[in-house]
């Protein structure tokens, strides 16, 4: 290697070393406390400015260091804040996913009871009232047709829609109508434009089940159940009202309502709620309010 090449290589090594030292200095400035930096600056002024007699060099170096500290510190704090935010989001997502899976498992434990009860009713009606048994069987088939696609979509991470939940509840109400006959009247008032809104699975049916089980079935003459949906203050409000026997508005309800409240808290934090009220004319109204979001269509 010639002397020129050696000199160039040496200069390159020196330049690379200076770059490395500069970025180490930059990183040090980003994390060093201000008190420590001020103390170092005072020592530098004494050493370079006083002992070595170069106060201007020391002053310029200190000013540059303080400016770099302000820039580097802000950048470092922003990176730390962003990293912490990502970690929190990932942790919350994992917790949300785990709890959602737990709550869906609880719901899956409840579903067989409904199916077994329906099959038992069909079996009994076959002996006593075959036409009603046939109607209930057809309604159960429609219910399963509405439920199965939602179960597959949930497994693929697709968000359920209000329209899907309404269809499922309609099929459920058809089964209950066969069982209760003229004691159950139903009304569904859900605008077509709101059916594409995202709405958690099984919550609407849980409210419908509660209305029938605790409000309408215990009432000798039965009554009316109405499902409504509207936008209130920019949020989606879904309501199930019945003219049943009602219950005290201070009541927290059973497992089904507790399940809904827990899921709303997991999915939406404080941006959603379940409110139980008693209308002046009697009965019960349950209202779920969630942020209004249009669910993304399922990919082909």
Protein backbone atom coordinates (compact mmCIF):
# COMPACT_ATOMS: atom_id res chain seq x y z
CA UNK A 1 0.00 0.00 0.00
CA UNK A 2 1.42 3.39 -1.00
CA UNK A 3 1.90 6.30 1.40
CA UNK A 4 -0.99 8.19 -0.26
CA UNK A 5 -3.36 5.26 0.18
CA UNK A 6 -2.23 4.86 3.77
CA UNK A 7 -2.87 8.54 4.45
CA UNK A 8 -6.34 8.37 2.85
CA UNK A 9 -7.20 5.27 4.87
CA UNK A 10 -5.98 6.94 8.07
CA UNK A 11 -8.04 10.06 7.35
CA UNK A 12 -11.07 7.89 6.61
CA UNK A 13 -10.63 6.01 9.88
CA UNK A 14 -10.31 9.31 11.75
CA UNK A 15 -13.45 10.66 10.05
CA UNK A 16 -15.37 7.49 10.88
CA UNK A 17 -14.20 7.71 14.47
CA UNK A 18 -15.29 11.35 14.68
CA UNK A 19 -18.75 10.42 13.33
CA UNK A 20 -19.08 7.60 15.88
CA UNK A 21 -17.98 9.89 18.71
CA UNK A 22 -20.36 12.61 17.51
CA UNK A 23 -23.39 10.29 17.58
CA UNK A 24 -22.36 8.90 20.96
CA UNK A 25 -22.13 12.49 22.19
CA UNK A 26 -25.54 13.22 20.63
CA UNK A 27 -27.07 10.17 22.33
CA UNK A 28 -25.45 11.14 25.63
CA UNK A 29 -26.89 14.64 25.39
CA UNK A 30 -30.33 13.17 24.72
CA UNK A 31 -30.42 11.25 28.01
CA UNK A 32 -28.15 13.19 30.38
CA UNK A 33 -30.03 15.18 33.07
CA UNK A 34 -29.93 18.96 32.73
CA UNK A 35 -28.26 19.34 36.14
CA UNK A 36 -25.44 17.05 35.08
CA UNK A 37 -25.04 18.90 31.78
CA UNK A 38 -24.86 22.28 33.55
CA UNK A 39 -22.23 20.90 35.94
CA UNK A 40 -20.19 19.59 32.97
CA UNK A 41 -20.48 22.97 31.23
CA UNK A 42 -19.15 24.77 34.32
CA UNK A 43 -16.20 22.38 34.50
CA UNK A 44 -15.58 22.87 30.76
CA UNK A 45 -15.61 26.64 31.12
CA UNK A 46 -13.13 26.44 33.99
CA UNK A 47 -10.86 23.99 32.18
CA UNK A 48 -10.93 25.34 28.62
CA UNK A 49 -11.76 28.96 29.34
CA UNK A 50 -9.65 29.46 32.44
CA UNK A 51 -6.76 27.02 32.38
CA UNK A 52 -6.31 26.70 28.60
CA UNK A 53 -7.27 30.33 27.93
CA UNK A 54 -9.91 29.70 25.26
CA UNK A 55 -13.16 31.03 26.77
CA UNK A 56 -14.77 31.71 23.36
CA UNK A 57 -14.25 28.12 22.25
CA UNK A 58 -15.65 26.85 25.53
CA UNK A 59 -18.63 29.24 25.30
CA UNK A 60 -19.49 28.25 21.73
CA UNK A 61 -19.17 24.57 22.58
CA UNK A 62 -21.44 24.98 25.61
CA UNK A 63 -24.07 26.91 23.62
CA UNK A 64 -24.01 24.27 20.88
CA UNK A 65 -24.32 21.50 23.47
CA UNK A 66 -27.31 23.17 25.10
CA UNK A 67 -29.05 23.60 21.72
CA UNK A 68 -28.34 19.99 20.78
CA UNK A 69 -29.56 18.88 24.21
CA UNK A 70 -32.87 20.66 23.68
CA UNK A 71 -33.33 19.07 20.25
CA UNK A 72 -32.00 15.63 21.13
CA UNK A 73 -33.86 15.55 24.44
CA UNK A 74 -37.15 16.39 22.76
CA UNK A 75 -36.54 13.72 20.13
CA UNK A 76 -35.60 11.17 22.77
CA UNK A 77 -38.67 11.98 24.90
CA UNK A 78 -40.90 11.70 21.84
CA UNK A 79 -39.40 8.32 20.95
CA UNK A 80 -39.80 7.07 24.53
CA UNK A 81 -43.40 8.31 24.67
CA UNK A 82 -44.17 6.67 21.32
CA UNK A 83 -42.56 3.41 22.42
CA UNK A 84 -44.50 3.41 25.68
CA UNK A 85 -47.73 4.18 23.83
CA UNK A 86 -47.12 1.25 21.47
CA UNK A 87 -46.38 -1.06 24.42
CA UNK A 88 -49.54 0.06 26.21
CA UNK A 89 -51.63 -0.39 23.07
CA UNK A 90 -50.22 -3.88 22.48
CA UNK A 91 -50.80 -4.82 26.13
CA UNK A 92 -54.35 -3.47 26.07
CA UNK A 93 -55.05 -5.28 22.80
CA UNK A 94 -53.80 -8.56 24.28
CA UNK A 95 -55.88 -8.05 27.42
CA UNK A 96 -58.90 -7.11 25.32
CA UNK A 97 -58.50 -10.15 23.08
CA UNK A 98 -58.07 -12.49 26.04
CA UNK A 99 -61.08 -11.12 27.89
CA UNK A 100 -63.21 -11.11 24.74
CA UNK A 101 -62.31 -14.76 24.21
CA UNK A 102 -63.24 -15.49 27.82
CA UNK A 103 -66.58 -13.72 27.51
CA UNK A 104 -67.33 -15.42 24.19
CA UNK A 105 -66.57 -18.73 25.87
CA UNK A 106 -69.11 -17.86 28.55
CA UNK A 107 -71.62 -17.00 25.83
CA UNK A 108 -70.87 -20.29 24.11
CA UNK A 109 -71.78 -22.05 27.35
CA UNK A 110 -75.14 -20.27 27.42
CA UNK A 111 -76.05 -20.97 23.77
CA UNK A 112 -76.46 -24.79 24.10
CA UNK A 113 -79.14 -24.29 26.77
CA UNK A 114 -81.25 -22.31 24.31
CA UNK A 115 -80.75 -24.91 21.57
CA UNK A 116 -81.50 -27.85 23.85
CA UNK A 117 -84.63 -26.14 25.20
CA UNK A 118 -85.82 -25.43 21.67
CA UNK A 119 -85.21 -29.02 20.55
CA UNK A 120 -87.03 -30.27 23.64
CA UNK A 121 -89.98 -28.03 22.81
CA UNK A 122 -90.04 -29.32 19.24
CA UNK A 123 -89.96 -32.90 20.50
CA UNK A 124 -92.91 -32.22 22.80
CA UNK A 125 -94.90 -30.37 20.11
CA UNK A 126 -94.43 -33.22 17.64
CA UNK A 127 -96.67 -35.30 19.89
CA UNK A 128 -99.19 -32.59 20.81
CA UNK A 129 -99.20 -30.06 17.95
CA UNK A 130 -97.27 -31.15 14.83
CA UNK A 131 -97.95 -27.92 12.84
CA UNK A 132 -96.44 -25.80 15.64
CA UNK A 133 -93.52 -28.21 15.89
CA UNK A 134 -92.90 -27.75 12.17
CA UNK A 135 -93.00 -23.94 12.48
CA UNK A 136 -90.60 -23.99 15.41
CA UNK A 137 -88.24 -26.31 13.55
CA UNK A 138 -88.24 -23.99 10.52
CA UNK A 139 -87.59 -21.00 12.80
CA UNK A 140 -84.68 -22.84 14.44
CA UNK A 141 -83.20 -23.54 10.99
CA UNK A 142 -83.45 -19.82 10.14
CA UNK A 143 -81.80 -18.98 13.46
CA UNK A 144 -78.88 -21.32 12.80
CA UNK A 145 -78.52 -19.95 9.25
CA UNK A 146 -78.23 -16.46 10.72
CA UNK A 147 -75.87 -17.56 13.50
CA UNK A 148 -73.37 -19.71 11.58
CA UNK A 149 -72.00 -17.01 9.23
CA UNK A 150 -71.46 -14.73 12.21
CA UNK A 151 -69.54 -17.42 14.07
CA UNK A 152 -67.25 -17.92 11.04
CA UNK A 153 -66.81 -14.14 10.60
CA UNK A 154 -65.92 -13.74 14.28
CA UNK A 155 -63.21 -16.36 13.91
CA UNK A 156 -61.75 -14.39 10.98
CA UNK A 157 -61.65 -11.15 12.97
CA UNK A 158 -64.54 -9.55 11.03
CA UNK A 159 -66.59 -7.12 13.09
CA UNK A 160 -70.29 -8.02 13.39
CA UNK A 161 -72.90 -5.52 12.23
CA UNK A 162 -76.16 -4.35 13.71
CA UNK A 163 -77.99 -5.83 10.72
CA UNK A 164 -76.59 -9.28 11.47
CA UNK A 165 -77.61 -8.97 15.13
CA UNK A 166 -81.11 -7.87 14.12
CA UNK A 167 -81.46 -10.86 11.76
CA UNK A 168 -80.34 -13.22 14.52
CA UNK A 169 -82.78 -11.68 17.01
CA UNK A 170 -85.63 -11.86 14.48
CA UNK A 171 -85.00 -15.59 14.07
CA UNK A 172 -84.88 -16.01 17.85
CA UNK A 173 -88.17 -14.10 18.21
CA UNK A 174 -89.79 -16.36 15.62
CA UNK A 175 -88.98 -19.35 17.83
CA UNK A 176 -90.34 -17.58 20.90
CA UNK A 177 -93.47 -16.54 19.00
CA UNK A 178 -94.23 -20.19 18.25
CA UNK A 179 -93.78 -21.01 21.92
CA UNK A 180 -95.80 -18.05 23.31
CA UNK A 181 -98.26 -17.78 20.39
CA UNK A 182 -100.55 -14.72 20.73
CA UNK A 183 -98.88 -13.66 23.99
CA UNK A 184 -95.92 -12.17 22.11
CA UNK A 185 -96.06 -9.27 19.65
CA UNK A 186 -92.84 -7.96 18.17
CA UNK A 187 -91.85 -4.75 16.36
CA UNK A 188 -88.44 -4.06 14.77
CA UNK A 189 -87.75 -0.41 14.02
CA UNK A 190 -84.15 -0.35 12.75
CA UNK A 191 -83.42 1.99 9.81
CA UNK A 192 -81.79 0.28 6.85
CA UNK A 193 -78.94 2.80 6.90
CA UNK A 194 -77.89 1.75 10.40
CA UNK A 195 -77.65 -1.98 9.69
CA UNK A 196 -74.06 -1.61 8.45
CA UNK A 197 -72.97 -0.13 11.79
CA UNK A 198 -70.56 -2.18 13.89
CA UNK A 199 -72.27 -3.74 16.89
CA UNK A 200 -70.91 -6.45 19.23
CA UNK A 201 -72.26 -9.94 18.74
CA UNK A 202 -74.97 -11.51 20.92
CA UNK A 203 -75.64 -8.35 22.95
CA UNK A 204 -78.92 -7.58 21.21
CA UNK A 205 -80.15 -11.16 21.57
CA UNK A 206 -79.22 -11.14 25.26
CA UNK A 207 -81.43 -8.09 25.77
CA UNK A 208 -84.25 -9.75 23.83
CA UNK A 209 -83.92 -12.94 25.88
CA UNK A 210 -83.99 -10.94 29.11
CA UNK A 211 -87.11 -9.06 28.05
CA UNK A 212 -88.97 -12.27 27.31
CA UNK A 213 -87.72 -14.32 30.24
CA UNK A 214 -88.04 -11.66 32.96
CA UNK A 215 -90.71 -9.38 31.51
CA UNK A 216 -93.12 -11.01 29.09
CA UNK A 217 -93.22 -14.74 29.88
CA UNK A 218 -94.11 -14.22 33.57
CA UNK A 219 -96.99 -11.92 32.53
CA UNK A 220 -100.21 -13.92 31.98
CA UNK A 221 -101.31 -11.95 28.93
CA UNK A 222 -97.77 -11.48 27.58
CA UNK A 223 -97.11 -8.22 25.75
CA UNK A 224 -95.10 -6.41 23.10
CA UNK A 225 -91.35 -6.34 22.50
CA UNK A 226 -89.81 -3.65 20.31
CA UNK A 227 -86.26 -3.32 18.96
CA UNK A 228 -85.23 0.22 18.02
CA UNK A 229 -82.03 1.87 16.80
CA UNK A 230 -81.10 5.50 16.22
CA UNK A 231 -78.19 7.93 16.29
CA UNK A 232 -78.09 10.01 19.47
CA UNK A 233 -75.38 12.67 19.87
CA UNK A 234 -73.24 10.96 17.26
CA UNK A 235 -73.50 7.52 18.91
CA UNK A 236 -75.47 4.42 18.00
CA UNK A 237 -78.24 3.72 20.50
CA UNK A 238 -79.88 0.28 20.29
CA UNK A 239 -82.91 -0.25 22.51
CA UNK A 240 -85.06 -3.23 23.48
CA UNK A 241 -88.32 -2.29 25.20
CA UNK A 242 -91.08 -4.53 26.47
CA UNK A 243 -94.47 -4.13 28.15
CA UNK A 244 -93.76 -6.91 30.63
CA UNK A 245 -93.85 -6.91 34.42
CA UNK A 246 -90.72 -4.73 34.64
CA UNK A 247 -88.24 -4.52 37.48
CA UNK A 248 -86.60 -1.88 39.66
CA UNK A 249 -84.29 0.42 37.63
CA UNK A 250 -81.65 0.13 40.37
CA UNK A 251 -81.32 -3.57 39.67
CA UNK A 252 -78.08 -4.58 37.96
CA UNK A 253 -79.71 -7.57 36.30
CA UNK A 254 -78.34 -11.07 35.99
CA UNK A 255 -75.40 -12.75 34.32
CA UNK A 256 -76.47 -11.67 30.83
CA UNK A 257 -76.47 -7.95 31.64
CA UNK A 258 -73.23 -8.25 33.61
CA UNK A 259 -71.71 -9.96 30.58
CA UNK A 260 -72.80 -7.06 28.36
CA UNK A 261 -71.40 -4.43 30.71
CA UNK A 262 -68.09 -6.28 30.98
CA UNK A 263 -67.76 -6.63 27.19
CA UNK A 264 -68.65 -2.98 26.58
CA UNK A 265 -65.95 -1.95 29.06
CA UNK A 266 -63.37 -4.16 27.34
CA UNK A 267 -64.25 -3.10 23.80
CA UNK A 268 -65.02 0.59 24.24
CA UNK A 269 -63.64 1.59 27.68
CA UNK A 270 -65.82 4.48 28.90
CA UNK A 271 -67.27 5.28 25.44
CA UNK A 272 -70.19 2.85 25.71
CA UNK A 273 -72.84 1.98 28.27
CA UNK A 274 -75.86 -0.15 29.07
CA UNK A 275 -78.76 1.67 30.71
CA UNK A 276 -81.87 -0.03 32.13
CA UNK A 277 -84.95 2.15 32.59
CA UNK A 278 -88.63 1.77 33.40
CA UNK A 279 -90.97 3.78 31.13
CA UNK A 280 -93.89 5.67 32.64
CA UNK A 281 -96.33 3.26 30.99
CA UNK A 282 -94.56 0.27 32.59
CA UNK A 283 -92.36 -2.50 31.32
CA UNK A 284 -88.61 -2.23 30.82
CA UNK A 285 -86.26 -0.56 28.34
CA UNK A 286 -82.62 -1.59 27.93
CA UNK A 287 -80.41 0.70 25.87
CA UNK A 288 -76.90 -0.02 24.62
CA UNK A 289 -75.02 3.05 23.40
CA UNK A 290 -71.76 2.57 21.46
CA UNK A 291 -69.63 4.76 19.16
CA UNK A 292 -71.15 4.86 15.67
CA UNK A 293 -68.75 3.09 13.28
CA UNK A 294 -69.47 1.47 9.95
CA UNK A 295 -68.09 -2.08 9.91
CA UNK A 296 -65.63 -2.88 7.17
CA UNK A 297 -67.08 -5.35 4.65
CA UNK A 298 -65.78 -8.91 4.84
CA UNK A 299 -63.01 -9.63 2.35
CA UNK A 300 -63.74 -12.16 -0.34
